[in-house]
Protein backbone atom coordinates (compact mmCIF):
# COMPACT_ATOMS: atom_id res chain seq x y z
CA UNK A 1 0.00 0.00 0.00
CA UNK A 2 1.51 3.39 -0.98
CA UNK A 3 2.48 5.89 1.70
CA UNK A 4 0.40 8.92 2.63
CA UNK A 5 0.76 12.05 0.51
CA UNK A 6 0.92 14.07 3.74
CA UNK A 7 2.75 12.19 6.55
CA UNK A 8 1.26 12.10 10.03
CA UNK A 9 3.34 14.35 12.29
CA UNK A 10 4.60 13.29 15.71
CA UNK A 11 3.20 15.48 18.47
CA UNK A 12 0.05 16.32 16.51
CA UNK A 13 -3.54 15.19 17.20
CA UNK A 14 -5.67 13.53 14.51
CA UNK A 15 -9.29 12.51 14.08
CA UNK A 16 -8.94 8.94 12.76
CA UNK A 17 -11.94 7.11 11.32
CA UNK A 18 -12.95 4.28 9.06
CA UNK A 19 -15.99 2.14 8.27
CA UNK A 20 -16.79 -1.35 7.13
CA UNK A 21 -16.48 -2.19 3.43
CA UNK A 22 -19.70 -1.14 1.66
CA UNK A 23 -21.00 0.02 5.05
CA UNK A 24 -21.16 -3.55 6.39
CA UNK A 25 -21.48 -4.19 10.11
CA UNK A 26 -18.13 -4.39 11.86
CA UNK A 27 -19.28 -4.80 15.49
CA UNK A 28 -22.17 -7.21 15.99
CA UNK A 29 -22.41 -7.79 19.73
CA UNK A 30 -20.90 -6.99 23.12
CA UNK A 31 -18.00 -9.41 22.70
CA UNK A 32 -16.96 -7.72 19.45
CA UNK A 33 -16.98 -4.26 21.01
CA UNK A 34 -15.08 -5.51 24.07
CA UNK A 35 -12.45 -7.19 21.89
CA UNK A 36 -12.01 -3.97 19.90
CA UNK A 37 -11.52 -2.01 23.13
CA UNK A 38 -9.05 -4.48 24.66
CA UNK A 39 -6.82 -4.53 21.59
CA UNK A 40 -7.04 -0.74 21.45
CA UNK A 41 -5.46 -0.64 24.88
CA UNK A 42 -3.00 -3.47 24.17
CA UNK A 43 -1.59 -2.23 20.85
CA UNK A 44 -1.21 1.30 22.12
CA UNK A 45 2.03 0.01 23.67
CA UNK A 46 5.21 0.26 21.61
CA UNK A 47 6.49 -3.07 22.93
CA UNK A 48 3.41 -5.29 22.86
CA UNK A 49 5.44 -8.53 22.86
CA UNK A 50 2.90 -10.91 21.30
CA UNK A 51 -0.10 -10.89 19.04
CA UNK A 52 -3.14 -10.36 21.24
CA UNK A 53 -4.65 -13.71 20.24
CA UNK A 54 -1.43 -15.45 21.38
CA UNK A 55 -1.29 -13.33 24.54
CA UNK A 56 -4.73 -14.67 25.52
CA UNK A 57 -3.49 -18.28 25.35
CA UNK A 58 -0.96 -17.67 28.12
CA UNK A 59 -1.55 -18.62 31.73
CA UNK A 60 -3.10 -15.90 33.89
CA UNK A 61 0.12 -15.20 35.79
CA UNK A 62 2.11 -14.72 32.54
CA UNK A 63 -0.53 -12.38 31.12
CA UNK A 64 -0.53 -10.40 34.36
CA UNK A 65 3.26 -10.09 34.30
CA UNK A 66 3.27 -8.81 30.71
CA UNK A 67 0.60 -6.21 31.49
CA UNK A 68 2.47 -5.10 34.61
CA UNK A 69 5.67 -4.62 32.61
CA UNK A 70 3.84 -2.64 29.93
CA UNK A 71 2.20 -0.48 32.61
CA UNK A 72 5.60 0.25 34.18
CA UNK A 73 7.20 1.25 30.90
CA UNK A 74 4.32 3.46 29.71
CA UNK A 75 5.82 3.70 26.23
CA UNK A 76 3.04 4.33 23.74
CA UNK A 77 2.77 4.72 19.99
CA UNK A 78 -0.19 7.04 20.48
CA UNK A 79 -2.11 8.82 23.18
CA UNK A 80 -5.81 7.92 22.97
CA UNK A 81 -7.84 11.04 23.71
CA UNK A 82 -11.34 9.81 22.78
CA UNK A 83 -12.99 6.99 20.85
CA UNK A 84 -16.37 5.68 19.75
CA UNK A 85 -17.25 2.31 18.25
CA UNK A 86 -20.41 2.23 16.14
CA UNK A 87 -22.07 -0.78 14.47
CA UNK A 88 -20.37 -0.16 11.10
CA UNK A 89 -17.59 2.36 11.81
CA UNK A 90 -15.32 3.90 14.45
CA UNK A 91 -13.85 7.25 15.47
CA UNK A 92 -10.59 7.83 17.37
CA UNK A 93 -8.91 11.02 18.56
CA UNK A 94 -5.20 10.17 18.67
CA UNK A 95 -2.02 12.06 19.44
CA UNK A 96 1.02 10.60 17.69
CA UNK A 97 3.86 10.03 20.16
CA UNK A 98 6.35 8.12 17.98
CA UNK A 99 7.41 8.37 14.36
CA UNK A 100 4.79 6.56 12.25
CA UNK A 101 2.98 5.82 15.53
CA UNK A 102 -0.61 6.25 14.33
CA UNK A 103 -0.07 4.15 11.21
CA UNK A 104 1.60 1.36 13.19
CA UNK A 105 -1.06 1.43 15.88
CA UNK A 106 -3.89 1.38 13.36
CA UNK A 107 -2.28 -1.46 11.40
CA UNK A 108 -1.88 -3.62 14.53
CA UNK A 109 -5.37 -2.80 15.77
CA UNK A 110 -7.19 -3.29 12.44
CA UNK A 111 -5.28 -6.47 11.54
CA UNK A 112 -5.95 -8.02 14.94
CA UNK A 113 -9.63 -7.11 14.95
CA UNK A 114 -10.14 -8.27 11.35
CA UNK A 115 -8.55 -11.67 12.12
CA UNK A 116 -10.82 -12.04 15.13
CA UNK A 117 -13.93 -10.99 13.17
CA UNK A 118 -13.16 -13.19 10.15
CA UNK A 119 -12.63 -16.29 12.26
CA UNK A 120 -15.73 -15.68 14.34
CA UNK A 121 -18.04 -14.95 11.40
CA UNK A 122 -16.40 -17.32 8.88
CA UNK A 123 -15.44 -14.69 6.32
CA UNK A 124 -12.29 -13.72 4.42
CA UNK A 125 -10.60 -10.54 3.30
CA UNK A 126 -10.45 -6.96 4.56
CA UNK A 127 -13.12 -5.73 6.95
CA UNK A 128 -12.51 -1.97 6.81
CA UNK A 129 -12.69 0.32 3.80
CA UNK A 130 -9.15 0.86 2.53
CA UNK A 131 -6.80 3.22 4.33
CA UNK A 132 -8.14 4.95 7.42
CA UNK A 133 -8.86 8.68 7.22
CA UNK A 134 -6.82 11.02 9.42
CA UNK A 135 -7.66 14.72 9.80
CA UNK A 136 -5.24 16.89 11.77
CA UNK A 137 -6.71 18.85 14.68
CA UNK A 138 -5.50 22.43 14.34
CA UNK A 139 -6.75 24.15 17.50
CA UNK A 140 -8.08 23.53 21.01
CA UNK A 141 -11.48 24.75 19.83
CA UNK A 142 -11.54 22.18 17.04
CA UNK A 143 -10.42 19.51 19.53
CA UNK A 144 -13.31 20.01 21.93
CA UNK A 145 -15.86 20.19 19.11
CA UNK A 146 -14.49 16.98 17.58
CA UNK A 147 -14.70 15.23 20.93
CA UNK A 148 -18.33 16.33 21.14
CA UNK A 149 -19.05 15.11 17.61
CA UNK A 150 -17.47 11.72 18.39
CA UNK A 151 -19.32 11.29 21.68
CA UNK A 152 -22.66 12.29 20.10
CA UNK A 153 -22.34 9.73 17.30
CA UNK A 154 -24.54 7.03 18.90
CA UNK A 155 -27.30 9.61 19.44
CA UNK A 156 -27.07 11.43 16.10
CA UNK A 157 -27.07 8.07 14.27
CA UNK A 158 -30.09 6.84 16.29
CA UNK A 159 -28.16 3.92 17.79
CA UNK A 160 -29.44 5.24 21.12
CA UNK A 161 -32.81 6.98 21.21
CA UNK A 162 -32.24 9.51 23.98
CA UNK A 163 -29.56 11.50 25.73
CA UNK A 164 -30.06 9.35 28.80
CA UNK A 165 -29.20 6.38 26.56
CA UNK A 166 -26.03 8.18 25.50
CA UNK A 167 -25.01 8.45 29.15
CA UNK A 168 -24.94 4.65 29.44
CA UNK A 169 -23.66 3.78 25.94
CA UNK A 170 -20.74 1.48 26.82
CA UNK A 171 -18.72 1.58 23.59
CA UNK A 172 -17.30 5.10 23.62
CA UNK A 173 -15.11 7.16 25.91
CA UNK A 174 -18.00 9.42 26.95
CA UNK A 175 -18.55 7.47 30.18
CA UNK A 176 -14.86 7.80 30.97
CA UNK A 177 -15.07 11.56 30.43
CA UNK A 178 -18.01 11.66 32.84
CA UNK A 179 -16.18 9.54 35.44
CA UNK A 180 -18.72 6.72 35.20
CA UNK A 181 -16.44 3.80 34.37
CA UNK A 182 -13.43 2.02 35.86
CA UNK A 183 -11.88 1.42 32.41
CA UNK A 184 -9.38 4.24 31.92
CA UNK A 185 -7.55 4.42 28.60
CA UNK A 186 -7.98 8.04 27.50
CA UNK A 187 -5.83 11.13 28.02
CA UNK A 188 -9.10 12.97 28.58
CA UNK A 189 -7.60 15.90 30.49
CA UNK A 190 -6.44 17.33 27.15
CA UNK A 191 -10.13 18.06 26.55
CA UNK A 192 -11.52 18.34 30.08
CA UNK A 193 -8.96 20.97 31.16
CA UNK A 194 -10.96 23.40 29.02
CA UNK A 195 -14.09 22.89 31.18
CA UNK A 196 -14.94 23.61 34.79
CA UNK A 197 -15.76 19.97 35.49
CA UNK A 198 -17.17 16.80 33.88
CA UNK A 199 -20.73 18.08 34.27
CA UNK A 200 -19.97 21.23 32.26
CA UNK A 201 -18.43 19.04 29.54
CA UNK A 202 -21.60 16.92 29.48
CA UNK A 203 -23.70 20.08 29.09
CA UNK A 204 -21.43 21.17 26.24
CA UNK A 205 -21.96 17.84 24.48
CA UNK A 206 -25.72 17.76 25.01
CA UNK A 207 -26.13 21.38 23.89
CA UNK A 208 -25.67 20.43 20.23
CA UNK A 209 -27.22 16.95 20.35
CA UNK A 210 -30.47 17.62 18.49
CA UNK A 211 -28.75 19.85 15.94
CA UNK A 212 -26.18 17.17 15.14
CA UNK A 213 -28.89 14.51 14.90
CA UNK A 214 -30.85 16.66 12.41
CA UNK A 215 -27.73 17.19 10.29
CA UNK A 216 -27.17 13.44 10.23
CA UNK A 217 -30.78 12.84 9.19
CA UNK A 218 -30.51 15.38 6.37
CA UNK A 219 -27.25 13.81 5.17
CA UNK A 220 -28.90 10.39 4.90
CA UNK A 221 -31.90 11.86 3.06
CA UNK A 222 -29.61 13.49 0.52
CA UNK A 223 -27.73 10.22 0.00
CA UNK A 224 -31.00 8.41 -0.66
CA UNK A 225 -32.26 10.87 -3.32
C-alpha atoms as a PDB file:
ATOM      1  CA  UNK A   1       0.000   0.000   0.000  1.00  0.00           C
ATOM      2  CA  UNK A   2       1.513   3.395  -0.975  1.00  0.00           C
ATOM      3  CA  UNK A   3       2.484   5.892   1.696  1.00  0.00           C
ATOM      4  CA  UNK A   4       0.398   8.920   2.629  1.00  0.00           C
ATOM      5  CA  UNK A   5       0.756  12.053   0.506  1.00  0.00           C
ATOM      6  CA  UNK A   6       0.916  14.070   3.738  1.00  0.00           C
ATOM      7  CA  UNK A   7       2.750  12.186   6.548  1.00  0.00           C
ATOM      8  CA  UNK A   8       1.263  12.101  10.026  1.00  0.00           C
ATOM      9  CA  UNK A   9       3.342  14.347  12.294  1.00  0.00           C
ATOM     10  CA  UNK A  10       4.598  13.291  15.709  1.00  0.00           C
ATOM     11  CA  UNK A  11       3.199  15.485  18.473  1.00  0.00           C
ATOM     12  CA  UNK A  12       0.048  16.323  16.507  1.00  0.00           C
ATOM     13  CA  UNK A  13      -3.536  15.185  17.197  1.00  0.00           C
ATOM     14  CA  UNK A  14      -5.668  13.528  14.511  1.00  0.00           C
ATOM     15  CA  UNK A  15      -9.286  12.511  14.076  1.00  0.00           C
ATOM     16  CA  UNK A  16      -8.937   8.942  12.758  1.00  0.00           C
ATOM     17  CA  UNK A  17     -11.935   7.114  11.317  1.00  0.00           C
ATOM     18  CA  UNK A  18     -12.952   4.276   9.056  1.00  0.00           C
ATOM     19  CA  UNK A  19     -15.995   2.137   8.272  1.00  0.00           C
ATOM     20  CA  UNK A  20     -16.794  -1.354   7.128  1.00  0.00           C
ATOM     21  CA  UNK A  21     -16.476  -2.188   3.433  1.00  0.00           C
ATOM     22  CA  UNK A  22     -19.698  -1.142   1.662  1.00  0.00           C
ATOM     23  CA  UNK A  23     -21.004   0.019   5.049  1.00  0.00           C
ATOM     24  CA  UNK A  24     -21.156  -3.547   6.387  1.00  0.00           C
ATOM     25  CA  UNK A  25     -21.485  -4.187  10.107  1.00  0.00           C
ATOM     26  CA  UNK A  26     -18.128  -4.387  11.863  1.00  0.00           C
ATOM     27  CA  UNK A  27     -19.276  -4.797  15.494  1.00  0.00           C
ATOM     28  CA  UNK A  28     -22.171  -7.208  15.990  1.00  0.00           C
ATOM     29  CA  UNK A  29     -22.408  -7.791  19.725  1.00  0.00           C
ATOM     30  CA  UNK A  30     -20.904  -6.985  23.117  1.00  0.00           C
ATOM     31  CA  UNK A  31     -17.999  -9.405  22.703  1.00  0.00           C
ATOM     32  CA  UNK A  32     -16.960  -7.722  19.447  1.00  0.00           C
ATOM     33  CA  UNK A  33     -16.977  -4.259  21.009  1.00  0.00           C
ATOM     34  CA  UNK A  34     -15.083  -5.509  24.066  1.00  0.00           C
ATOM     35  CA  UNK A  35     -12.452  -7.186  21.888  1.00  0.00           C
ATOM     36  CA  UNK A  36     -12.013  -3.966  19.898  1.00  0.00           C
ATOM     37  CA  UNK A  37     -11.523  -2.007  23.128  1.00  0.00           C
ATOM     38  CA  UNK A  38      -9.054  -4.475  24.659  1.00  0.00           C
ATOM     39  CA  UNK A  39      -6.818  -4.531  21.591  1.00  0.00           C
ATOM     40  CA  UNK A  40      -7.038  -0.736  21.448  1.00  0.00           C
ATOM     41  CA  UNK A  41      -5.464  -0.644  24.884  1.00  0.00           C
ATOM     42  CA  UNK A  42      -2.996  -3.469  24.166  1.00  0.00           C
ATOM     43  CA  UNK A  43      -1.594  -2.228  20.851  1.00  0.00           C
ATOM     44  CA  UNK A  44      -1.205   1.304  22.121  1.00  0.00           C
ATOM     45  CA  UNK A  45       2.025   0.013  23.671  1.00  0.00           C
ATOM     46  CA  UNK A  46       5.207   0.256  21.614  1.00  0.00           C
ATOM     47  CA  UNK A  47       6.490  -3.065  22.932  1.00  0.00           C
ATOM     48  CA  UNK A  48       3.413  -5.290  22.861  1.00  0.00           C
ATOM     49  CA  UNK A  49       5.436  -8.534  22.862  1.00  0.00           C
ATOM     50  CA  UNK A  50       2.903 -10.913  21.301  1.00  0.00           C
ATOM     51  CA  UNK A  51      -0.101 -10.892  19.036  1.00  0.00           C
ATOM     52  CA  UNK A  52      -3.138 -10.357  21.243  1.00  0.00           C
ATOM     53  CA  UNK A  53      -4.653 -13.712  20.242  1.00  0.00           C
ATOM     54  CA  UNK A  54      -1.434 -15.445  21.382  1.00  0.00           C
ATOM     55  CA  UNK A  55      -1.291 -13.327  24.539  1.00  0.00           C
ATOM     56  CA  UNK A  56      -4.726 -14.672  25.518  1.00  0.00           C
ATOM     57  CA  UNK A  57      -3.491 -18.278  25.346  1.00  0.00           C
ATOM     58  CA  UNK A  58      -0.958 -17.672  28.120  1.00  0.00           C
ATOM     59  CA  UNK A  59      -1.553 -18.620  31.729  1.00  0.00           C
ATOM     60  CA  UNK A  60      -3.105 -15.897  33.888  1.00  0.00           C
ATOM     61  CA  UNK A  61       0.125 -15.202  35.787  1.00  0.00           C
ATOM     62  CA  UNK A  62       2.108 -14.715  32.544  1.00  0.00           C
ATOM     63  CA  UNK A  63      -0.532 -12.375  31.118  1.00  0.00           C
ATOM     64  CA  UNK A  64      -0.534 -10.404  34.357  1.00  0.00           C
ATOM     65  CA  UNK A  65       3.264 -10.095  34.295  1.00  0.00           C
ATOM     66  CA  UNK A  66       3.274  -8.806  30.707  1.00  0.00           C
ATOM     67  CA  UNK A  67       0.598  -6.210  31.494  1.00  0.00           C
ATOM     68  CA  UNK A  68       2.468  -5.101  34.611  1.00  0.00           C
ATOM     69  CA  UNK A  69       5.668  -4.623  32.606  1.00  0.00           C
ATOM     70  CA  UNK A  70       3.843  -2.636  29.929  1.00  0.00           C
ATOM     71  CA  UNK A  71       2.200  -0.482  32.614  1.00  0.00           C
ATOM     72  CA  UNK A  72       5.600   0.250  34.177  1.00  0.00           C
ATOM     73  CA  UNK A  73       7.198   1.248  30.897  1.00  0.00           C
ATOM     74  CA  UNK A  74       4.317   3.456  29.705  1.00  0.00           C
ATOM     75  CA  UNK A  75       5.818   3.705  26.231  1.00  0.00           C
ATOM     76  CA  UNK A  76       3.041   4.327  23.738  1.00  0.00           C
ATOM     77  CA  UNK A  77       2.766   4.725  19.987  1.00  0.00           C
ATOM     78  CA  UNK A  78      -0.191   7.043  20.479  1.00  0.00           C
ATOM     79  CA  UNK A  79      -2.110   8.819  23.180  1.00  0.00           C
ATOM     80  CA  UNK A  80      -5.805   7.922  22.974  1.00  0.00           C
ATOM     81  CA  UNK A  81      -7.842  11.040  23.711  1.00  0.00           C
ATOM     82  CA  UNK A  82     -11.339   9.810  22.777  1.00  0.00           C
ATOM     83  CA  UNK A  83     -12.994   6.990  20.851  1.00  0.00           C
ATOM     84  CA  UNK A  84     -16.367   5.681  19.748  1.00  0.00           C
ATOM     85  CA  UNK A  85     -17.252   2.308  18.250  1.00  0.00           C
ATOM     86  CA  UNK A  86     -20.409   2.228  16.139  1.00  0.00           C
ATOM     87  CA  UNK A  87     -22.074  -0.776  14.467  1.00  0.00           C
ATOM     88  CA  UNK A  88     -20.369  -0.156  11.099  1.00  0.00           C
ATOM     89  CA  UNK A  89     -17.588   2.358  11.811  1.00  0.00           C
ATOM     90  CA  UNK A  90     -15.325   3.899  14.447  1.00  0.00           C
ATOM     91  CA  UNK A  91     -13.850   7.254  15.470  1.00  0.00           C
ATOM     92  CA  UNK A  92     -10.593   7.833  17.366  1.00  0.00           C
ATOM     93  CA  UNK A  93      -8.910  11.023  18.563  1.00  0.00           C
ATOM     94  CA  UNK A  94      -5.203  10.169  18.665  1.00  0.00           C
ATOM     95  CA  UNK A  95      -2.018  12.064  19.441  1.00  0.00           C
ATOM     96  CA  UNK A  96       1.019  10.598  17.687  1.00  0.00           C
ATOM     97  CA  UNK A  97       3.862  10.028  20.158  1.00  0.00           C
ATOM     98  CA  UNK A  98       6.353   8.119  17.979  1.00  0.00           C
ATOM     99  CA  UNK A  99       7.412   8.374  14.356  1.00  0.00           C
ATOM    100  CA  UNK A 100       4.789   6.555  12.252  1.00  0.00           C
ATOM    101  CA  UNK A 101       2.976   5.819  15.532  1.00  0.00           C
ATOM    102  CA  UNK A 102      -0.608   6.252  14.326  1.00  0.00           C
ATOM    103  CA  UNK A 103      -0.068   4.151  11.209  1.00  0.00           C
ATOM    104  CA  UNK A 104       1.603   1.361  13.188  1.00  0.00           C
ATOM    105  CA  UNK A 105      -1.063   1.432  15.878  1.00  0.00           C
ATOM    106  CA  UNK A 106      -3.892   1.382  13.355  1.00  0.00           C
ATOM    107  CA  UNK A 107      -2.284  -1.459  11.401  1.00  0.00           C
ATOM    108  CA  UNK A 108      -1.878  -3.616  14.527  1.00  0.00           C
ATOM    109  CA  UNK A 109      -5.371  -2.800  15.772  1.00  0.00           C
ATOM    110  CA  UNK A 110      -7.185  -3.295  12.442  1.00  0.00           C
ATOM    111  CA  UNK A 111      -5.275  -6.473  11.541  1.00  0.00           C
ATOM    112  CA  UNK A 112      -5.947  -8.015  14.936  1.00  0.00           C
ATOM    113  CA  UNK A 113      -9.630  -7.112  14.947  1.00  0.00           C
ATOM    114  CA  UNK A 114     -10.136  -8.272  11.352  1.00  0.00           C
ATOM    115  CA  UNK A 115      -8.545 -11.668  12.122  1.00  0.00           C
ATOM    116  CA  UNK A 116     -10.824 -12.045  15.131  1.00  0.00           C
ATOM    117  CA  UNK A 117     -13.928 -10.987  13.170  1.00  0.00           C
ATOM    118  CA  UNK A 118     -13.163 -13.188  10.153  1.00  0.00           C
ATOM    119  CA  UNK A 119     -12.627 -16.292  12.259  1.00  0.00           C
ATOM    120  CA  UNK A 120     -15.734 -15.677  14.342  1.00  0.00           C
ATOM    121  CA  UNK A 121     -18.044 -14.954  11.404  1.00  0.00           C
ATOM    122  CA  UNK A 122     -16.395 -17.318   8.882  1.00  0.00           C
ATOM    123  CA  UNK A 123     -15.445 -14.691   6.319  1.00  0.00           C
ATOM    124  CA  UNK A 124     -12.291 -13.723   4.418  1.00  0.00           C
ATOM    125  CA  UNK A 125     -10.596 -10.544   3.300  1.00  0.00           C
ATOM    126  CA  UNK A 126     -10.455  -6.957   4.563  1.00  0.00           C
ATOM    127  CA  UNK A 127     -13.122  -5.728   6.950  1.00  0.00           C
ATOM    128  CA  UNK A 128     -12.512  -1.973   6.807  1.00  0.00           C
ATOM    129  CA  UNK A 129     -12.693   0.323   3.797  1.00  0.00           C
ATOM    130  CA  UNK A 130      -9.145   0.856   2.534  1.00  0.00           C
ATOM    131  CA  UNK A 131      -6.802   3.224   4.329  1.00  0.00           C
ATOM    132  CA  UNK A 132      -8.144   4.954   7.420  1.00  0.00           C
ATOM    133  CA  UNK A 133      -8.864   8.685   7.223  1.00  0.00           C
ATOM    134  CA  UNK A 134      -6.824  11.020   9.418  1.00  0.00           C
ATOM    135  CA  UNK A 135      -7.656  14.722   9.802  1.00  0.00           C
ATOM    136  CA  UNK A 136      -5.242  16.890  11.772  1.00  0.00           C
ATOM    137  CA  UNK A 137      -6.705  18.850  14.681  1.00  0.00           C
ATOM    138  CA  UNK A 138      -5.495  22.430  14.336  1.00  0.00           C
ATOM    139  CA  UNK A 139      -6.751  24.147  17.496  1.00  0.00           C
ATOM    140  CA  UNK A 140      -8.080  23.531  21.009  1.00  0.00           C
ATOM    141  CA  UNK A 141     -11.481  24.752  19.835  1.00  0.00           C
ATOM    142  CA  UNK A 142     -11.537  22.182  17.041  1.00  0.00           C
ATOM    143  CA  UNK A 143     -10.419  19.515  19.527  1.00  0.00           C
ATOM    144  CA  UNK A 144     -13.312  20.013  21.927  1.00  0.00           C
ATOM    145  CA  UNK A 145     -15.860  20.189  19.110  1.00  0.00           C
ATOM    146  CA  UNK A 146     -14.493  16.980  17.576  1.00  0.00           C
ATOM    147  CA  UNK A 147     -14.697  15.225  20.930  1.00  0.00           C
ATOM    148  CA  UNK A 148     -18.334  16.334  21.142  1.00  0.00           C
ATOM    149  CA  UNK A 149     -19.048  15.112  17.607  1.00  0.00           C
ATOM    150  CA  UNK A 150     -17.473  11.717  18.391  1.00  0.00           C
ATOM    151  CA  UNK A 151     -19.325  11.293  21.681  1.00  0.00           C
ATOM    152  CA  UNK A 152     -22.658  12.290  20.104  1.00  0.00           C
ATOM    153  CA  UNK A 153     -22.344   9.732  17.296  1.00  0.00           C
ATOM    154  CA  UNK A 154     -24.541   7.032  18.900  1.00  0.00           C
ATOM    155  CA  UNK A 155     -27.305   9.613  19.444  1.00  0.00           C
ATOM    156  CA  UNK A 156     -27.071  11.429  16.104  1.00  0.00           C
ATOM    157  CA  UNK A 157     -27.072   8.073  14.266  1.00  0.00           C
ATOM    158  CA  UNK A 158     -30.093   6.838  16.289  1.00  0.00           C
ATOM    159  CA  UNK A 159     -28.155   3.917  17.794  1.00  0.00           C
ATOM    160  CA  UNK A 160     -29.443   5.242  21.123  1.00  0.00           C
ATOM    161  CA  UNK A 161     -32.810   6.979  21.214  1.00  0.00           C
ATOM    162  CA  UNK A 162     -32.242   9.505  23.984  1.00  0.00           C
ATOM    163  CA  UNK A 163     -29.561  11.496  25.731  1.00  0.00           C
ATOM    164  CA  UNK A 164     -30.064   9.349  28.800  1.00  0.00           C
ATOM    165  CA  UNK A 165     -29.197   6.384  26.564  1.00  0.00           C
ATOM    166  CA  UNK A 166     -26.032   8.175  25.498  1.00  0.00           C
ATOM    167  CA  UNK A 167     -25.007   8.449  29.151  1.00  0.00           C
ATOM    168  CA  UNK A 168     -24.943   4.652  29.436  1.00  0.00           C
ATOM    169  CA  UNK A 169     -23.657   3.777  25.943  1.00  0.00           C
ATOM    170  CA  UNK A 170     -20.741   1.478  26.816  1.00  0.00           C
ATOM    171  CA  UNK A 171     -18.721   1.580  23.585  1.00  0.00           C
ATOM    172  CA  UNK A 172     -17.303   5.097  23.622  1.00  0.00           C
ATOM    173  CA  UNK A 173     -15.105   7.164  25.913  1.00  0.00           C
ATOM    174  CA  UNK A 174     -17.998   9.417  26.952  1.00  0.00           C
ATOM    175  CA  UNK A 175     -18.551   7.472  30.184  1.00  0.00           C
ATOM    176  CA  UNK A 176     -14.858   7.797  30.971  1.00  0.00           C
ATOM    177  CA  UNK A 177     -15.068  11.565  30.427  1.00  0.00           C
ATOM    178  CA  UNK A 178     -18.010  11.663  32.845  1.00  0.00           C
ATOM    179  CA  UNK A 179     -16.176   9.545  35.444  1.00  0.00           C
ATOM    180  CA  UNK A 180     -18.722   6.725  35.201  1.00  0.00           C
ATOM    181  CA  UNK A 181     -16.439   3.795  34.371  1.00  0.00           C
ATOM    182  CA  UNK A 182     -13.434   2.024  35.857  1.00  0.00           C
ATOM    183  CA  UNK A 183     -11.880   1.420  32.414  1.00  0.00           C
ATOM    184  CA  UNK A 184      -9.382   4.239  31.920  1.00  0.00           C
ATOM    185  CA  UNK A 185      -7.550   4.425  28.604  1.00  0.00           C
ATOM    186  CA  UNK A 186      -7.979   8.045  27.502  1.00  0.00           C
ATOM    187  CA  UNK A 187      -5.831  11.131  28.023  1.00  0.00           C
ATOM    188  CA  UNK A 188      -9.105  12.968  28.583  1.00  0.00           C
ATOM    189  CA  UNK A 189      -7.602  15.895  30.489  1.00  0.00           C
ATOM    190  CA  UNK A 190      -6.436  17.330  27.152  1.00  0.00           C
ATOM    191  CA  UNK A 191     -10.129  18.058  26.554  1.00  0.00           C
ATOM    192  CA  UNK A 192     -11.520  18.345  30.083  1.00  0.00           C
ATOM    193  CA  UNK A 193      -8.965  20.971  31.157  1.00  0.00           C
ATOM    194  CA  UNK A 194     -10.962  23.400  29.024  1.00  0.00           C
ATOM    195  CA  UNK A 195     -14.085  22.890  31.175  1.00  0.00           C
ATOM    196  CA  UNK A 196     -14.944  23.614  34.788  1.00  0.00           C
ATOM    197  CA  UNK A 197     -15.764  19.968  35.486  1.00  0.00           C
ATOM    198  CA  UNK A 198     -17.171  16.803  33.878  1.00  0.00           C
ATOM    199  CA  UNK A 199     -20.730  18.083  34.272  1.00  0.00           C
ATOM    200  CA  UNK A 200     -19.968  21.231  32.261  1.00  0.00           C
ATOM    201  CA  UNK A 201     -18.433  19.041  29.544  1.00  0.00           C
ATOM    202  CA  UNK A 202     -21.604  16.925  29.481  1.00  0.00           C
ATOM    203  CA  UNK A 203     -23.695  20.077  29.093  1.00  0.00           C
ATOM    204  CA  UNK A 204     -21.431  21.174  26.241  1.00  0.00           C
ATOM    205  CA  UNK A 205     -21.959  17.835  24.483  1.00  0.00           C
ATOM    206  CA  UNK A 206     -25.725  17.759  25.014  1.00  0.00           C
ATOM    207  CA  UNK A 207     -26.133  21.384  23.894  1.00  0.00           C
ATOM    208  CA  UNK A 208     -25.666  20.428  20.226  1.00  0.00           C
ATOM    209  CA  UNK A 209     -27.225  16.946  20.345  1.00  0.00           C
ATOM    210  CA  UNK A 210     -30.474  17.621  18.492  1.00  0.00           C
ATOM    211  CA  UNK A 211     -28.753  19.852  15.940  1.00  0.00           C
ATOM    212  CA  UNK A 212     -26.178  17.174  15.142  1.00  0.00           C
ATOM    213  CA  UNK A 213     -28.894  14.509  14.897  1.00  0.00           C
ATOM    214  CA  UNK A 214     -30.848  16.660  12.414  1.00  0.00           C
ATOM    215  CA  UNK A 215     -27.729  17.186  10.290  1.00  0.00           C
ATOM    216  CA  UNK A 216     -27.167  13.436  10.232  1.00  0.00           C
ATOM    217  CA  UNK A 217     -30.783  12.840   9.195  1.00  0.00           C
ATOM    218  CA  UNK A 218     -30.505  15.379   6.369  1.00  0.00           C
ATOM    219  CA  UNK A 219     -27.251  13.809   5.165  1.00  0.00           C
ATOM    220  CA  UNK A 220     -28.900  10.388   4.903  1.00  0.00           C
ATOM    221  CA  UNK A 221     -31.902  11.862   3.060  1.00  0.00           C
ATOM    222  CA  UNK A 222     -29.608  13.487   0.523  1.00  0.00           C
ATOM    223  CA  UNK A 223     -27.731  10.224   0.003  1.00  0.00           C
ATOM    224  CA  UNK A 224     -30.997   8.405  -0.659  1.00  0.00           C
ATOM    225  CA  UNK A 225     -32.255  10.875  -3.316  1.00  0.00           C
END
